[in-house]
């Protein structure tokens, strides 16, 4: 889902790669924080 979202921002949203990279980093940081505080068991960015 995350990769689909990123591709949609790049292709259909018309955003530049730098903007999408910033959004991607922010989402990754937010999900990591959610794991730290116990709101999520694991981040979807972590591949097991």
N, C-alpha and C. Protein backbone atom coordinates (compact mmCIF):
# COMPACT_ATOMS: atom_id res chain seq x y z
N UNK A 1 0.82 -1.19 0.00
CA UNK A 1 0.00 0.00 0.00
C UNK A 1 0.87 1.27 0.00
N UNK A 2 1.95 1.21 0.76
CA UNK A 2 2.83 2.38 0.84
C UNK A 2 3.48 2.65 -0.51
N UNK A 3 3.92 1.61 -1.17
CA UNK A 3 4.54 1.78 -2.49
C UNK A 3 3.52 2.29 -3.51
N UNK A 4 2.30 1.80 -3.42
CA UNK A 4 1.24 2.28 -4.32
C UNK A 4 0.97 3.76 -4.08
N UNK A 5 0.94 4.16 -2.80
CA UNK A 5 0.72 5.56 -2.45
C UNK A 5 1.84 6.43 -3.02
N UNK A 6 3.08 5.96 -2.85
CA UNK A 6 4.22 6.71 -3.37
C UNK A 6 4.15 6.85 -4.88
N UNK A 7 3.84 5.76 -5.56
CA UNK A 7 3.74 5.80 -7.02
C UNK A 7 2.61 6.71 -7.48
N UNK A 8 1.50 6.70 -6.75
CA UNK A 8 0.38 7.58 -7.10
C UNK A 8 0.77 9.05 -6.96
N UNK A 9 1.50 9.37 -5.90
CA UNK A 9 1.95 10.76 -5.72
C UNK A 9 2.88 11.19 -6.86
N UNK A 10 3.74 10.28 -7.28
CA UNK A 10 4.69 10.60 -8.34
C UNK A 10 4.01 10.71 -9.70
N UNK A 11 3.17 9.74 -10.02
CA UNK A 11 2.61 9.66 -11.37
C UNK A 11 1.33 10.45 -11.56
N UNK A 12 0.39 10.29 -10.66
CA UNK A 12 -0.91 10.94 -10.82
C UNK A 12 -0.99 12.26 -10.06
N UNK A 13 -0.24 12.36 -8.97
CA UNK A 13 -0.27 13.57 -8.17
C UNK A 13 0.60 14.68 -8.72
N UNK A 14 1.53 14.30 -9.59
CA UNK A 14 2.39 15.28 -10.21
C UNK A 14 3.45 15.87 -9.30
N UNK A 15 3.72 15.21 -8.18
CA UNK A 15 4.73 15.72 -7.26
C UNK A 15 6.12 15.32 -7.73
N UNK A 16 7.10 16.12 -7.37
CA UNK A 16 8.48 15.81 -7.74
C UNK A 16 9.02 14.75 -6.78
N UNK A 17 10.03 14.00 -7.20
CA UNK A 17 10.59 12.94 -6.37
C UNK A 17 11.07 13.43 -4.99
N UNK A 18 11.61 14.64 -4.91
CA UNK A 18 12.06 15.15 -3.61
C UNK A 18 10.89 15.33 -2.64
N UNK A 19 9.79 15.84 -3.12
CA UNK A 19 8.61 16.02 -2.28
C UNK A 19 8.07 14.68 -1.80
N UNK A 20 8.03 13.72 -2.70
CA UNK A 20 7.53 12.39 -2.34
C UNK A 20 8.47 11.72 -1.34
N UNK A 21 9.78 11.92 -1.49
CA UNK A 21 10.74 11.35 -0.56
C UNK A 21 10.54 11.93 0.84
N UNK A 22 10.25 13.23 0.92
CA UNK A 22 9.99 13.86 2.22
C UNK A 22 8.73 13.29 2.86
N UNK A 23 7.68 13.12 2.07
CA UNK A 23 6.44 12.52 2.58
C UNK A 23 6.68 11.10 3.06
N UNK A 24 7.47 10.35 2.30
CA UNK A 24 7.79 8.96 2.63
C UNK A 24 8.55 8.90 3.96
N UNK A 25 9.53 9.78 4.13
CA UNK A 25 10.31 9.82 5.37
C UNK A 25 9.43 10.17 6.56
N UNK A 26 8.54 11.15 6.38
CA UNK A 26 7.66 11.56 7.47
C UNK A 26 6.74 10.41 7.89
N UNK A 27 6.17 9.71 6.93
CA UNK A 27 5.31 8.57 7.24
C UNK A 27 6.09 7.48 7.97
N UNK A 28 7.31 7.22 7.51
CA UNK A 28 8.15 6.19 8.15
C UNK A 28 8.47 6.58 9.59
N UNK A 29 8.78 7.85 9.83
CA UNK A 29 9.07 8.32 11.18
C UNK A 29 7.84 8.22 12.07
N UNK A 30 6.70 8.60 11.53
CA UNK A 30 5.45 8.55 12.31
C UNK A 30 5.11 7.11 12.70
N UNK A 31 5.28 6.19 11.77
CA UNK A 31 4.97 4.78 12.07
C UNK A 31 5.99 4.19 13.05
N UNK A 32 7.23 4.60 12.95
CA UNK A 32 8.24 4.14 13.92
C UNK A 32 7.91 4.64 15.32
N UNK A 33 7.46 5.88 15.40
CA UNK A 33 7.05 6.43 16.69
C UNK A 33 5.85 5.68 17.24
N UNK A 34 4.91 5.35 16.39
CA UNK A 34 3.73 4.59 16.82
C UNK A 34 4.14 3.24 17.41
N UNK A 35 5.16 2.63 16.84
CA UNK A 35 5.68 1.36 17.39
C UNK A 35 6.31 1.62 18.76
N UNK A 36 7.10 2.70 18.86
CA UNK A 36 7.76 3.03 20.13
C UNK A 36 6.77 3.21 21.27
N UNK A 37 5.66 3.86 21.01
CA UNK A 37 4.69 4.13 22.08
C UNK A 37 3.67 3.01 22.26
N UNK A 38 3.78 1.98 21.42
CA UNK A 38 2.91 0.83 21.58
C UNK A 38 1.59 0.90 20.83
N UNK A 39 1.42 1.89 19.97
CA UNK A 39 0.18 2.00 19.21
C UNK A 39 0.14 1.00 18.06
N UNK A 40 1.29 0.56 17.59
CA UNK A 40 1.41 -0.48 16.56
C UNK A 40 2.38 -1.54 17.04
N UNK A 41 2.15 -2.77 16.60
CA UNK A 41 3.08 -3.84 16.96
C UNK A 41 4.37 -3.75 16.15
N UNK A 42 4.24 -3.37 14.87
CA UNK A 42 5.41 -3.21 14.03
C UNK A 42 5.08 -2.26 12.88
N UNK A 43 6.11 -1.68 12.35
CA UNK A 43 5.93 -0.75 11.23
C UNK A 43 5.80 -1.53 9.93
N UNK A 44 4.92 -1.11 9.03
CA UNK A 44 4.83 -1.78 7.74
C UNK A 44 6.08 -1.57 6.88
N UNK A 45 6.96 -0.67 7.30
CA UNK A 45 8.21 -0.46 6.57
C UNK A 45 9.22 -1.57 6.86
N UNK A 46 9.01 -2.31 7.95
CA UNK A 46 9.91 -3.39 8.32
C UNK A 46 9.46 -4.67 7.62
N UNK A 47 10.34 -5.22 6.82
CA UNK A 47 10.03 -6.48 6.12
C UNK A 47 10.67 -7.61 6.92
N UNK A 48 9.84 -8.58 7.30
CA UNK A 48 10.35 -9.72 8.09
C UNK A 48 10.88 -10.80 7.22
